PDB file of N, CA and C in Angstrom:
ATOM      1  N   MET A   1       0.850  -1.174   0.000  1.00  0.00           N
ATOM      2  CA  MET A   1       0.000   0.000   0.000  1.00  0.00           C
ATOM      3  C   MET A   1       0.894   1.236   0.000  1.00  0.00           C
ATOM      4  N   SER A   2       0.640   2.165  -0.887  1.00  0.00           N
ATOM      5  CA  SER A   2       1.463   3.367  -0.969  1.00  0.00           C
ATOM      6  C   SER A   2       0.969   4.423   0.009  1.00  0.00           C
ATOM      7  N   ILE A   3       1.873   5.318   0.378  1.00  0.00           N
ATOM      8  CA  ILE A   3       1.530   6.389   1.308  1.00  0.00           C
ATOM      9  C   ILE A   3       0.825   7.498   0.543  1.00  0.00           C
ATOM     10  N   GLN A   4      -0.327   7.902   1.035  1.00  0.00           N
ATOM     11  CA  GLN A   4      -1.082   8.985   0.428  1.00  0.00           C
ATOM     12  C   GLN A   4      -0.890  10.258   1.237  1.00  0.00           C
ATOM     13  N   VAL A   5      -0.866  11.381   0.552  1.00  0.00           N
ATOM     14  CA  VAL A   5      -0.880  12.676   1.223  1.00  0.00           C
ATOM     15  C   VAL A   5      -2.242  13.283   0.949  1.00  0.00           C
ATOM     16  N   GLN A   6      -2.971  13.516   2.000  1.00  0.00           N
ATOM     17  CA  GLN A   6      -4.338  14.029   1.888  1.00  0.00           C
ATOM     18  C   GLN A   6      -4.539  15.077   2.976  1.00  0.00           C
ATOM     19  N   ASN A   7      -5.089  16.217   2.611  1.00  0.00           N
ATOM     20  CA  ASN A   7      -5.354  17.268   3.572  1.00  0.00           C
ATOM     21  C   ASN A   7      -6.835  17.301   3.901  1.00  0.00           C
ATOM     22  N   TYR A   8      -7.137  17.506   5.183  1.00  0.00           N
ATOM     23  CA  TYR A   8      -8.530  17.508   5.648  1.00  0.00           C
ATOM     24  C   TYR A   8      -8.843  18.767   6.433  1.00  0.00           C
ATOM     25  N   GLU A   9     -10.128  19.084   6.459  1.00  0.00           N
ATOM     26  CA  GLU A   9     -10.644  20.185   7.267  1.00  0.00           C
ATOM     27  C   GLU A   9     -11.813  19.664   8.086  1.00  0.00           C
ATOM     28  N   ALA A  10     -11.944  20.190   9.285  1.00  0.00           N
ATOM     29  CA  ALA A  10     -13.076  19.857  10.145  1.00  0.00           C
ATOM     30  C   ALA A  10     -13.603  21.149  10.745  1.00  0.00           C
ATOM     31  N   ALA A  11     -14.911  21.229  10.913  1.00  0.00           N
ATOM     32  CA  ALA A  11     -15.509  22.409  11.537  1.00  0.00           C
ATOM     33  C   ALA A  11     -15.407  22.284  13.050  1.00  0.00           C
ATOM     34  N   LYS A  12     -14.990  23.343  13.680  1.00  0.00           N
ATOM     35  CA  LYS A  12     -14.847  23.373  15.130  1.00  0.00           C
ATOM     36  C   LYS A  12     -16.189  23.059  15.784  1.00  0.00           C
ATOM     37  N   GLY A  13     -16.190  22.145  16.733  1.00  0.00           N
ATOM     38  CA  GLY A  13     -17.391  21.816  17.478  1.00  0.00           C
ATOM     39  C   GLY A  13     -18.366  20.913  16.733  1.00  0.00           C
ATOM     40  N   GLN A  14     -17.917  20.271  15.661  1.00  0.00           N
ATOM     41  CA  GLN A  14     -18.792  19.358  14.918  1.00  0.00           C
ATOM     42  C   GLN A  14     -18.129  17.996  14.769  1.00  0.00           C
ATOM     43  N   ASP A  15     -18.959  16.984  14.613  1.00  0.00           N
ATOM     44  CA  ASP A  15     -18.445  15.638  14.390  1.00  0.00           C
ATOM     45  C   ASP A  15     -17.730  15.574  13.040  1.00  0.00           C
ATOM     46  N   TRP A  16     -16.742  14.692  12.944  1.00  0.00           N
ATOM     47  CA  TRP A  16     -15.986  14.514  11.710  1.00  0.00           C
ATOM     48  C   TRP A  16     -15.687  13.035  11.553  1.00  0.00           C
ATOM     49  N   LYS A  17     -15.813  12.523  10.337  1.00  0.00           N
ATOM     50  CA  LYS A  17     -15.536  11.105  10.079  1.00  0.00           C
ATOM     51  C   LYS A  17     -14.706  10.946   8.815  1.00  0.00           C
ATOM     52  N   LEU A  18     -13.829   9.965   8.853  1.00  0.00           N
ATOM     53  CA  LEU A  18     -13.018   9.598   7.703  1.00  0.00           C
ATOM     54  C   LEU A  18     -13.197   8.105   7.470  1.00  0.00           C
ATOM     55  N   ARG A  19     -13.724   7.750   6.304  1.00  0.00           N
ATOM     56  CA  ARG A  19     -13.927   6.348   5.936  1.00  0.00           C
ATOM     57  C   ARG A  19     -12.742   5.892   5.098  1.00  0.00           C
ATOM     58  N   LEU A  20     -12.085   4.838   5.551  1.00  0.00           N
ATOM     59  CA  LEU A  20     -10.936   4.300   4.847  1.00  0.00           C
ATOM     60  C   LEU A  20     -11.249   2.891   4.350  1.00  0.00           C
ATOM     61  N   THR A  21     -10.837   2.598   3.127  1.00  0.00           N
ATOM     62  CA  THR A  21     -10.949   1.249   2.580  1.00  0.00           C
ATOM     63  C   THR A  21      -9.542   0.774   2.240  1.00  0.00           C
ATOM     64  N   PHE A  22      -9.123  -0.297   2.863  1.00  0.00           N
ATOM     65  CA  PHE A  22      -7.783  -0.837   2.670  1.00  0.00           C
ATOM     66  C   PHE A  22      -7.787  -1.813   1.497  1.00  0.00           C
ATOM     67  N   LYS A  23      -6.852  -1.580   0.559  1.00  0.00           N
ATOM     68  CA  LYS A  23      -6.721  -2.419  -0.632  1.00  0.00           C
ATOM     69  C   LYS A  23      -5.256  -2.772  -0.856  1.00  0.00           C
ATOM     70  N   ASP A  24      -5.022  -3.876  -1.527  1.00  0.00           N
ATOM     71  CA  ASP A  24      -3.650  -4.248  -1.863  1.00  0.00           C
ATOM     72  C   ASP A  24      -3.219  -3.521  -3.135  1.00  0.00           C
ATOM     73  N   ALA A  25      -2.024  -3.799  -3.613  1.00  0.00           N
ATOM     74  CA  ALA A  25      -1.465  -3.111  -4.781  1.00  0.00           C
ATOM     75  C   ALA A  25      -2.291  -3.328  -6.049  1.00  0.00           C
ATOM     76  N   ASP A  26      -3.054  -4.414  -6.091  1.00  0.00           N
ATOM     77  CA  ASP A  26      -3.897  -4.707  -7.254  1.00  0.00           C
ATOM     78  C   ASP A  26      -5.303  -4.138  -7.125  1.00  0.00           C
ATOM     79  N   GLY A  27      -5.570  -3.408  -6.017  1.00  0.00           N
ATOM     80  CA  GLY A  27      -6.884  -2.805  -5.818  1.00  0.00           C
ATOM     81  C   GLY A  27      -7.908  -3.735  -5.190  1.00  0.00           C
ATOM     82  N   VAL A  28      -7.460  -4.881  -4.703  1.00  0.00           N
ATOM     83  CA  VAL A  28      -8.355  -5.842  -4.054  1.00  0.00           C
ATOM     84  C   VAL A  28      -8.427  -5.512  -2.569  1.00  0.00           C
ATOM     85  N   VAL A  29      -9.652  -5.475  -2.015  1.00  0.00           N
ATOM     86  CA  VAL A  29      -9.806  -5.132  -0.601  1.00  0.00           C
ATOM     87  C   VAL A  29      -9.100  -6.153   0.282  1.00  0.00           C
ATOM     88  N   ILE A  30      -8.618  -5.674   1.410  1.00  0.00           N
ATOM     89  CA  ILE A  30      -7.875  -6.482   2.371  1.00  0.00           C
ATOM     90  C   ILE A  30      -8.751  -6.717   3.591  1.00  0.00           C
ATOM     91  N   ASP A  31      -8.770  -7.923   4.088  1.00  0.00           N
ATOM     92  CA  ASP A  31      -9.456  -8.234   5.350  1.00  0.00           C
ATOM     93  C   ASP A  31      -8.649  -7.591   6.482  1.00  0.00           C
ATOM     94  N   ILE A  32      -9.261  -6.640   7.196  1.00  0.00           N
ATOM     95  CA  ILE A  32      -8.555  -5.923   8.267  1.00  0.00           C
ATOM     96  C   ILE A  32      -9.043  -6.339   9.653  1.00  0.00           C
ATOM     97  N   THR A  33      -9.615  -7.527   9.747  1.00  0.00           N
ATOM     98  CA  THR A  33     -10.163  -8.004  11.020  1.00  0.00           C
ATOM     99  C   THR A  33      -9.154  -7.899  12.154  1.00  0.00           C
ATOM    100  N   ASP A  34      -7.906  -8.269  11.913  1.00  0.00           N
ATOM    101  CA  ASP A  34      -6.892  -8.255  12.978  1.00  0.00           C
ATOM    102  C   ASP A  34      -5.990  -7.019  12.939  1.00  0.00           C
ATOM    103  N   TYR A  35      -6.396  -5.988  12.215  1.00  0.00           N
ATOM    104  CA  TYR A  35      -5.602  -4.760  12.117  1.00  0.00           C
ATOM    105  C   TYR A  35      -5.938  -3.789  13.254  1.00  0.00           C
ATOM    106  N   THR A  36      -4.922  -3.073  13.691  1.00  0.00           N
ATOM    107  CA  THR A  36      -5.107  -1.942  14.603  1.00  0.00           C
ATOM    108  C   THR A  36      -4.727  -0.695  13.812  1.00  0.00           C
ATOM    109  N   ILE A  37      -5.637   0.275  13.768  1.00  0.00           N
ATOM    110  CA  ILE A  37      -5.411   1.520  13.028  1.00  0.00           C
ATOM    111  C   ILE A  37      -5.054   2.615  14.031  1.00  0.00           C
ATOM    112  N   PHE A  38      -4.007   3.372  13.733  1.00  0.00           N
ATOM    113  CA  PHE A  38      -3.574   4.475  14.591  1.00  0.00           C
ATOM    114  C   PHE A  38      -3.764   5.789  13.834  1.00  0.00           C
ATOM    115  N   PHE A  39      -4.508   6.710  14.420  1.00  0.00           N
ATOM    116  CA  PHE A  39      -4.746   8.039  13.853  1.00  0.00           C
ATOM    117  C   PHE A  39      -4.242   9.053  14.865  1.00  0.00           C
ATOM    118  N   THR A  40      -3.266   9.870  14.445  1.00  0.00           N
ATOM    119  CA  THR A  40      -2.642  10.812  15.369  1.00  0.00           C
ATOM    120  C   THR A  40      -2.626  12.210  14.761  1.00  0.00           C
ATOM    121  N   ILE A  41      -3.046  13.179  15.561  1.00  0.00           N
ATOM    122  CA  ILE A  41      -3.018  14.590  15.170  1.00  0.00           C
ATOM    123  C   ILE A  41      -2.066  15.314  16.109  1.00  0.00           C
ATOM    124  N   LYS A  42      -1.129  16.053  15.514  1.00  0.00           N
ATOM    125  CA  LYS A  42      -0.171  16.835  16.298  1.00  0.00           C
ATOM    126  C   LYS A  42      -0.091  18.254  15.776  1.00  0.00           C
ATOM    127  N   LYS A  43       0.351  19.142  16.632  1.00  0.00           N
ATOM    128  CA  LYS A  43       0.512  20.543  16.260  1.00  0.00           C
ATOM    129  C   LYS A  43       1.723  20.721  15.348  1.00  0.00           C
ATOM    130  N   LYS A  44       2.797  20.010  15.647  1.00  0.00           N
ATOM    131  CA  LYS A  44       4.030  20.142  14.882  1.00  0.00           C
ATOM    132  C   LYS A  44       4.259  18.894  14.047  1.00  0.00           C
ATOM    133  N   LYS A  45       4.824  19.091  12.880  1.00  0.00           N
ATOM    134  CA  LYS A  45       5.036  17.990  11.945  1.00  0.00           C
ATOM    135  C   LYS A  45       6.065  16.984  12.456  1.00  0.00           C
ATOM    136  N   TYR A  46       7.150  17.466  13.012  1.00  0.00           N
ATOM    137  CA  TYR A  46       8.204  16.574  13.477  1.00  0.00           C
ATOM    138  C   TYR A  46       8.480  16.850  14.942  1.00  0.00           C
ATOM    139  N   ILE A  47       8.203  15.872  15.750  1.00  0.00           N
ATOM    140  CA  ILE A  47       8.451  15.992  17.188  1.00  0.00           C
ATOM    141  C   ILE A  47       9.336  14.821  17.589  1.00  0.00           C
ATOM    142  N   ASP A  48      10.339  15.113  18.384  1.00  0.00           N
ATOM    143  CA  ASP A  48      11.263  14.071  18.816  1.00  0.00           C
ATOM    144  C   ASP A  48      10.612  13.080  19.780  1.00  0.00           C
ATOM    145  N   ASP A  49       9.472  13.445  20.320  1.00  0.00           N
ATOM    146  CA  ASP A  49       8.774  12.620  21.288  1.00  0.00           C
ATOM    147  C   ASP A  49       8.114  11.432  20.578  1.00  0.00           C
ATOM    148  N   VAL A  50       8.785  10.298  20.549  1.00  0.00           N
ATOM    149  CA  VAL A  50       8.299   9.156  19.777  1.00  0.00           C
ATOM    150  C   VAL A  50       7.080   8.478  20.387  1.00  0.00           C
ATOM    151  N   ASN A  51       6.768   8.740  21.655  1.00  0.00           N
ATOM    152  CA  ASN A  51       5.595   8.108  22.255  1.00  0.00           C
ATOM    153  C   ASN A  51       4.333   8.963  22.140  1.00  0.00           C
ATOM    154  N   ASP A  52       4.395  10.021  21.376  1.00  0.00           N
ATOM    155  CA  ASP A  52       3.244  10.859  21.044  1.00  0.00           C
ATOM    156  C   ASP A  52       2.568  11.524  22.239  1.00  0.00           C
ATOM    157  N   ASP A  53       3.319  11.813  23.281  1.00  0.00           N
ATOM    158  CA  ASP A  53       2.753  12.524  24.426  1.00  0.00           C
ATOM    159  C   ASP A  53       2.216  13.899  24.043  1.00  0.00           C
ATOM    160  N   ASN A  54       2.756  14.487  22.982  1.00  0.00           N
ATOM    161  CA  ASN A  54       2.322  15.817  22.561  1.00  0.00           C
ATOM    162  C   ASN A  54       1.201  15.792  21.531  1.00  0.00           C
ATOM    163  N   ALA A  55       0.611  14.643  21.297  1.00  0.00           N
ATOM    164  CA  ALA A  55      -0.470  14.545  20.319  1.00  0.00           C
ATOM    165  C   ALA A  55      -1.714  15.263  20.828  1.00  0.00           C
ATOM    166  N   ALA A  56      -2.355  16.021  19.945  1.00  0.00           N
ATOM    167  CA  ALA A  56      -3.624  16.664  20.291  1.00  0.00           C
ATOM    168  C   ALA A  56      -4.723  15.606  20.363  1.00  0.00           C
ATOM    169  N   ILE A  57      -4.653  14.638  19.459  1.00  0.00           N
ATOM    170  CA  ILE A  57      -5.582  13.502  19.444  1.00  0.00           C
ATOM    171  C   ILE A  57      -4.805  12.270  19.018  1.00  0.00           C
ATOM    172  N   ALA A  58      -5.018  11.179  19.722  1.00  0.00           N
ATOM    173  CA  ALA A  58      -4.415   9.890  19.368  1.00  0.00           C
ATOM    174  C   ALA A  58      -5.511   8.829  19.482  1.00  0.00           C
ATOM    175  N   LYS A  59      -5.924   8.299  18.345  1.00  0.00           N
ATOM    176  CA  LYS A  59      -6.986   7.282  18.301  1.00  0.00           C
ATOM    177  C   LYS A  59      -6.391   5.937  17.939  1.00  0.00           C
ATOM    178  N   THR A  60      -6.890   4.901  18.580  1.00  0.00           N
ATOM    179  CA  THR A  60      -6.540   3.524  18.258  1.00  0.00           C
ATOM    180  C   THR A  60      -7.835   2.807  17.927  1.00  0.00           C
ATOM    181  N   ILE A  61      -7.945   2.327  16.690  1.00  0.00           N
ATOM    182  CA  ILE A  61      -9.181   1.696  16.230  1.00  0.00           C
ATOM    183  C   ILE A  61      -8.926   0.205  16.022  1.00  0.00           C
ATOM    184  N   THR A  62      -9.678  -0.622  16.755  1.00  0.00           N
ATOM    185  CA  THR A  62      -9.555  -2.072  16.616  1.00  0.00           C
ATOM    186  C   THR A  62     -10.872  -2.712  16.185  1.00  0.00           C
ATOM    187  N   SER A  63     -11.954  -1.966  16.283  1.00  0.00           N
ATOM    188  CA  SER A  63     -13.265  -2.445  15.854  1.00  0.00           C
ATOM    189  C   SER A  63     -13.606  -1.723  14.550  1.00  0.00           C
ATOM    190  N   HIS A  64     -13.700  -2.475  13.475  1.00  0.00           N
ATOM    191  CA  HIS A  64     -13.863  -1.895  12.147  1.00  0.00           C
ATOM    192  C   HIS A  64     -15.294  -2.038  11.638  1.00  0.00           C
ATOM    193  N   THR A  65     -15.704  -1.105  10.801  1.00  0.00           N
ATOM    194  CA  THR A  65     -17.054  -1.053  10.268  1.00  0.00           C
ATOM    195  C   THR A  65     -17.410  -2.326   9.507  1.00  0.00           C
ATOM    196  N   THR A  66     -16.627  -2.641   8.494  1.00  0.00           N
ATOM    197  CA  THR A  66     -16.815  -3.856   7.686  1.00  0.00           C
ATOM    198  C   THR A  66     -15.427  -4.426   7.422  1.00  0.00           C
ATOM    199  N   PRO A  67     -14.860  -5.150   8.387  1.00  0.00           N
ATOM    200  CA  PRO A  67     -13.464  -5.583   8.259  1.00  0.00           C
ATOM    201  C   PRO A  67     -13.188  -6.496   7.066  1.00  0.00           C
ATOM    202  N   LEU A  68     -14.111  -7.365   6.710  1.00  0.00           N
ATOM    203  CA  LEU A  68     -13.866  -8.266   5.579  1.00  0.00           C
ATOM    204  C   LEU A  68     -13.797  -7.505   4.263  1.00  0.00           C
ATOM    205  N   SER A  69     -14.408  -6.306   4.219  1.00  0.00           N
ATOM    206  CA  SER A  69     -14.355  -5.449   3.030  1.00  0.00           C
ATOM    207  C   SER A  69     -13.293  -4.363   3.165  1.00  0.00           C
ATOM    208  N   GLY A  70     -12.459  -4.453   4.201  1.00  0.00           N
ATOM    209  CA  GLY A  70     -11.361  -3.514   4.390  1.00  0.00           C
ATOM    210  C   GLY A  70     -11.770  -2.133   4.853  1.00  0.00           C
ATOM    211  N   ILE A  71     -12.982  -1.992   5.411  1.00  0.00           N
ATOM    212  CA  ILE A  71     -13.503  -0.659   5.741  1.00  0.00           C
ATOM    213  C   ILE A  71     -13.447  -0.387   7.242  1.00  0.00           C
ATOM    214  N   THR A  72     -12.892   0.764   7.563  1.00  0.00           N
ATOM    215  CA  THR A  72     -12.908   1.266   8.929  1.00  0.00           C
ATOM    216  C   THR A  72     -13.236   2.755   8.892  1.00  0.00           C
ATOM    217  N   ILE A  73     -13.697   3.279  10.003  1.00  0.00           N
ATOM    218  CA  ILE A  73     -14.023   4.706  10.094  1.00  0.00           C
ATOM    219  C   ILE A  73     -13.285   5.305  11.278  1.00  0.00           C
ATOM    220  N   ILE A  74     -12.630   6.421  11.010  1.00  0.00           N
ATOM    221  CA  ILE A  74     -11.998   7.201  12.065  1.00  0.00           C
ATOM    222  C   ILE A  74     -12.949   8.352  12.378  1.00  0.00           C
ATOM    223  N   SER A  75     -13.306   8.504  13.635  1.00  0.00           N
ATOM    224  CA  SER A  75     -14.288   9.521  14.020  1.00  0.00           C
ATOM    225  C   SER A  75     -13.733  10.460  15.078  1.00  0.00           C
ATOM    226  N   LEU A  76     -14.083  11.729  14.932  1.00  0.00           N
ATOM    227  CA  LEU A  76     -13.848  12.723  15.972  1.00  0.00           C
ATOM    228  C   LEU A  76     -15.212  13.248  16.409  1.00  0.00           C
ATOM    229  N   THR A  77     -15.392  13.419  17.685  1.00  0.00           N
ATOM    230  CA  THR A  77     -16.651  13.945  18.203  1.00  0.00           C
ATOM    231  C   THR A  77     -16.639  15.465  18.185  1.00  0.00           C
ATOM    232  N   ASP A  78     -17.803  16.055  18.367  1.00  0.00           N
ATOM    233  CA  ASP A  78     -17.903  17.508  18.446  1.00  0.00           C
ATOM    234  C   ASP A  78     -17.068  18.059  19.598  1.00  0.00           C
ATOM    235  N   VAL A  79     -16.979  17.314  20.682  1.00  0.00           N
ATOM    236  CA  VAL A  79     -16.175  17.745  21.837  1.00  0.00           C
ATOM    237  C   VAL A  79     -14.695  17.757  21.464  1.00  0.00           C
ATOM    238  N   GLU A  80     -14.251  16.751  20.723  1.00  0.00           N
ATOM    239  CA  GLU A  80     -12.845  16.690  20.314  1.00  0.00           C
ATOM    240  C   GLU A  80     -12.493  17.816  19.347  1.00  0.00           C
ATOM    241  N   THR A  81     -13.343  18.088  18.356  1.00  0.00           N
ATOM    242  CA  THR A  81     -13.028  19.171  17.407  1.00  0.00           C
ATOM    243  C   THR A  81     -13.152  20.536  18.066  1.00  0.00           C
ATOM    244  N   GLU A  82     -14.011  20.667  19.051  1.00  0.00           N
ATOM    245  CA  GLU A  82     -14.146  21.933  19.784  1.00  0.00           C
ATOM    246  C   GLU A  82     -12.836  22.276  20.496  1.00  0.00           C
ATOM    247  N   ALA A  83     -12.139  21.267  20.967  1.00  0.00           N
ATOM    248  CA  ALA A  83     -10.902  21.484  21.724  1.00  0.00           C
ATOM    249  C   ALA A  83      -9.709  21.822  20.837  1.00  0.00           C
ATOM    250  N   LEU A  84      -9.824  21.604  19.540  1.00  0.00           N
ATOM    251  CA  LEU A  84      -8.711  21.878  18.623  1.00  0.00           C
ATOM    252  C   LEU A  84      -8.758  23.309  18.116  1.00  0.00           C
ATOM    253  N   LYS A  85      -7.576  23.868  17.890  1.00  0.00           N
ATOM    254  CA  LYS A  85      -7.503  25.249  17.402  1.00  0.00           C
ATOM    255  C   LYS A  85      -6.336  25.384  16.439  1.00  0.00           C
ATOM    256  N   GLY A  86      -6.659  25.785  15.214  1.00  0.00           N
ATOM    257  CA  GLY A  86      -5.603  26.077  14.250  1.00  0.00           C
ATOM    258  C   GLY A  86      -5.197  24.899  13.391  1.00  0.00           C
ATOM    259  N   PRO A  87      -4.053  25.037  12.728  1.00  0.00           N
ATOM    260  CA  PRO A  87      -3.575  23.983  11.830  1.00  0.00           C
ATOM    261  C   PRO A  87      -2.844  22.878  12.596  1.00  0.00           C
ATOM    262  N   TYR A  88      -2.958  21.674  12.070  1.00  0.00           N
ATOM    263  CA  TYR A  88      -2.296  20.505  12.631  1.00  0.00           C
ATOM    264  C   TYR A  88      -1.752  19.660  11.483  1.00  0.00           C
ATOM    265  N   CYS A  89      -1.042  18.623  11.836  1.00  0.00           N
ATOM    266  CA  CYS A  89      -0.680  17.586  10.886  1.00  0.00           C
ATOM    267  C   CYS A  89      -1.171  16.268  11.476  1.00  0.00           C
ATOM    268  N   TYR A  90      -1.343  15.280  10.626  1.00  0.00           N
ATOM    269  CA  TYR A  90      -1.843  13.991  11.093  1.00  0.00           C
ATOM    270  C   TYR A  90      -1.143  12.878  10.322  1.00  0.00           C
ATOM    271  N   ASP A  91      -1.275  11.672  10.837  1.00  0.00           N
ATOM    272  CA  ASP A  91      -0.904  10.499  10.058  1.00  0.00           C
ATOM    273  C   ASP A  91      -1.766   9.318  10.470  1.00  0.00           C
ATOM    274  N   VAL A  92      -1.799   8.335   9.584  1.00  0.00           N
ATOM    275  CA  VAL A  92      -2.523   7.092   9.818  1.00  0.00           C
ATOM    276  C   VAL A  92      -1.546   5.953   9.590  1.00  0.00           C
ATOM    277  N   LYS A  93      -1.471   5.061  10.565  1.00  0.00           N
ATOM    278  CA  LYS A  93      -0.647   3.859  10.470  1.00  0.00           C
ATOM    279  C   LYS A  93      -1.523   2.667  10.829  1.00  0.00           C
ATOM    280  N   TYR A  94      -1.092   1.490  10.408  1.00  0.00           N
ATOM    281  CA  TYR A  94      -1.803   0.306  10.858  1.00  0.00           C
ATOM    282  C   TYR A  94      -0.820  -0.785  11.243  1.00  0.00           C
ATOM    283  N   LYS A  95      -1.280  -1.635  12.148  1.00  0.00           N
ATOM    284  CA  LYS A  95      -0.482  -2.771  12.593  1.00  0.00           C
ATOM    285  C   LYS A  95      -1.268  -4.040  12.310  1.00  0.00           C
ATOM    286  N   LYS A  96      -0.642  -4.956  11.603  1.00  0.00           N
ATOM    287  CA  LYS A  96      -1.257  -6.247  11.312  1.00  0.00           C
ATOM    288  C   LYS A  96      -1.219  -7.127  12.558  1.00  0.00           C
ATOM    289  N   GLY A  97      -1.999  -8.178  12.530  1.00  0.00           N
ATOM    290  CA  GLY A  97      -2.018  -9.123  13.641  1.00  0.00           C
ATOM    291  C   GLY A  97      -0.665  -9.747  13.924  1.00  0.00           C
ATOM    292  N   ASN A  98       0.191  -9.838  12.903  1.00  0.00           N
ATOM    293  CA  ASN A  98       1.531 -10.416  13.090  1.00  0.00           C
ATOM    294  C   ASN A  98       2.546  -9.410  13.632  1.00  0.00           C
ATOM    295  N   GLY A  99       2.093  -8.147  13.846  1.00  0.00           N
ATOM    296  CA  GLY A  99       2.966  -7.123  14.412  1.00  0.00           C
ATOM    297  C   GLY A  99       3.599  -6.175  13.413  1.00  0.00           C
ATOM    298  N   ASP A 100       3.493  -6.467  12.108  1.00  0.00           N
ATOM    299  CA  ASP A 100       4.040  -5.568  11.087  1.00  0.00           C
ATOM    300  C   ASP A 100       3.291  -4.242  11.106  1.00  0.00           C
ATOM    301  N   ILE A 101       4.023  -3.131  11.045  1.00  0.00           N
ATOM    302  CA  ILE A 101       3.430  -1.792  11.086  1.00  0.00           C
ATOM    303  C   ILE A 101       3.704  -1.078   9.769  1.00  0.00           C
ATOM    304  N   PHE A 102       2.670  -0.419   9.242  1.00  0.00           N
ATOM    305  CA  PHE A 102       2.773   0.283   7.970  1.00  0.00           C
ATOM    306  C   PHE A 102       2.222   1.695   8.094  1.00  0.00           C
ATOM    307  N   PHE A 103       2.854   2.623   7.409  1.00  0.00           N
ATOM    308  CA  PHE A 103       2.466   4.028   7.344  1.00  0.00           C
ATOM    309  C   PHE A 103       1.576   4.185   6.115  1.00  0.00           C
ATOM    310  N   VAL A 104       0.358   4.692   6.278  1.00  0.00           N
ATOM    311  CA  VAL A 104      -0.616   4.738   5.190  1.00  0.00           C
ATOM    312  C   VAL A 104      -0.780   6.131   4.600  1.00  0.00           C
ATOM    313  N   MET A 105      -1.059   7.106   5.450  1.00  0.00           N
ATOM    314  CA  MET A 105      -1.322   8.452   4.938  1.00  0.00           C
ATOM    315  C   MET A 105      -0.942   9.509   5.949  1.00  0.00           C
ATOM    316  N   LYS A 106      -0.747  10.717   5.404  1.00  0.00           N
ATOM    317  CA  LYS A 106      -0.383  11.865   6.234  1.00  0.00           C
ATOM    318  C   LYS A 106      -0.854  13.121   5.535  1.00  0.00           C
ATOM    319  N   GLY A 107      -0.809  14.232   6.242  1.00  0.00           N
ATOM    320  CA  GLY A 107      -1.174  15.503   5.637  1.00  0.00           C
ATOM    321  C   GLY A 107      -1.483  16.539   6.685  1.00  0.00           C
ATOM    322  N   SER A 108      -2.134  17.586   6.241  1.00  0.00           N
ATOM    323  CA  SER A 108      -2.532  18.644   7.172  1.00  0.00           C
ATOM    324  C   SER A 108      -3.971  18.414   7.614  1.00  0.00           C
ATOM    325  N   PHE A 109      -4.269  18.895   8.799  1.00  0.00           N
ATOM    326  CA  PHE A 109      -5.611  18.784   9.366  1.00  0.00           C
ATOM    327  C   PHE A 109      -5.946  20.146   9.954  1.00  0.00           C
ATOM    328  N   SER A 110      -6.871  20.843   9.336  1.00  0.00           N
ATOM    329  CA  SER A 110      -7.206  22.201   9.760  1.00  0.00           C
ATOM    330  C   SER A 110      -8.565  22.235  10.439  1.00  0.00           C
ATOM    331  N   ILE A 111      -8.649  23.031  11.467  1.00  0.00           N
ATOM    332  CA  ILE A 111      -9.914  23.251  12.166  1.00  0.00           C
ATOM    333  C   ILE A 111     -10.446  24.604  11.723  1.00  0.00           C
ATOM    334  N   LEU A 112     -11.646  24.596  11.179  1.00  0.00           N
ATOM    335  CA  LEU A 112     -12.273  25.819  10.692  1.00  0.00           C
ATOM    336  C   LEU A 112     -13.256  26.363  11.712  1.00  0.00           C
ATOM    337  N   LYS A 113     -13.199  27.650  11.915  1.00  0.00           N
ATOM    338  CA  LYS A 113     -14.204  28.292  12.770  1.00  0.00           C
ATOM    339  C   LYS A 113     -15.513  28.318  12.001  1.00  0.00           C
ATOM    340  N   ASP A 114     -16.594  28.037  12.691  1.00  0.00           N
ATOM    341  CA  ASP A 114     -17.876  28.070  11.999  1.00  0.00           C
ATOM    342  C   ASP A 114     -18.456  29.487  12.014  1.00  0.00           C
ATOM    343  N   SER A 115     -19.342  29.747  11.074  1.00  0.00           N
ATOM    344  CA  SER A 115     -19.950  31.063  10.969  1.00  0.00           C
ATOM    345  C   SER A 115     -21.072  31.254  11.975  1.00  0.00           C
ATOM    346  N   THR A 116     -21.749  30.173  12.286  1.00  0.00           N
ATOM    347  CA  THR A 116     -22.869  30.226  13.239  1.00  0.00           C
ATOM    348  C   THR A 116     -22.802  29.009  14.145  1.00  0.00           C
ATOM    349  N   ARG A 117     -23.638  28.977  15.155  1.00  0.00           N
ATOM    350  CA  ARG A 117     -23.772  27.835  16.044  1.00  0.00           C
ATOM    351  C   ARG A 117     -25.196  27.278  16.029  1.00  0.00           C
ATOM    352  N   ARG A 118     -25.969  27.652  15.036  1.00  0.00           N
ATOM    353  CA  ARG A 118     -27.358  27.227  14.957  1.00  0.00           C
ATOM    354  C   ARG A 118     -27.426  25.743  14.604  1.00  0.00           C
ATOM    355  N   ILE A 119     -28.145  24.967  15.410  1.00  0.00           N
ATOM    356  CA  ILE A 119     -28.261  23.538  15.158  1.00  0.00           C
ATOM    357  C   ILE A 119     -29.717  23.059  15.191  1.00  0.00           C
ATOM    358  N   VAL A 120     -30.642  23.985  15.319  1.00  0.00           N
ATOM    359  CA  VAL A 120     -32.054  23.599  15.347  1.00  0.00           C
ATOM    360  C   VAL A 120     -32.771  24.170  14.145  1.00  0.00           C
TER     361      VAL A 120
END
C-alpha cells in the first residue's frame, strides 16, 4: 500500500468522520479483522517525542465497520473538534495481527471556525 498525502478540514465543534478502505497493490480489498489503526493529530510535523505525548488527538481503532471489506471509520466527536484550534498535521498507520506496522497516509488537518452555532 502506498503512502497517500491528503489534507482535511473539520468544523470546530462538529463531528468529523473519515472512511478508509484498505486495498492491496492490485486494488483488491484487504481483510482488516486483525488490524489496529492508529490516527494521530499533532501541532508540529516533526516531534522528537516518539511516544506521542504531545499529540492533540491519538486514536486507536480495533473495531472496524466492515473488516472483511477492508472498511474502517476514524471519528472525531464535536467535543474533540471543539478542543482543537488552528492547523495541525496527522498520520494514519496500521499494525497487522503479526505485528508488522505500515504508514498509510499523512497531511494537514485544519480546524475551521464556523460562521454560526445554529443547530435547530
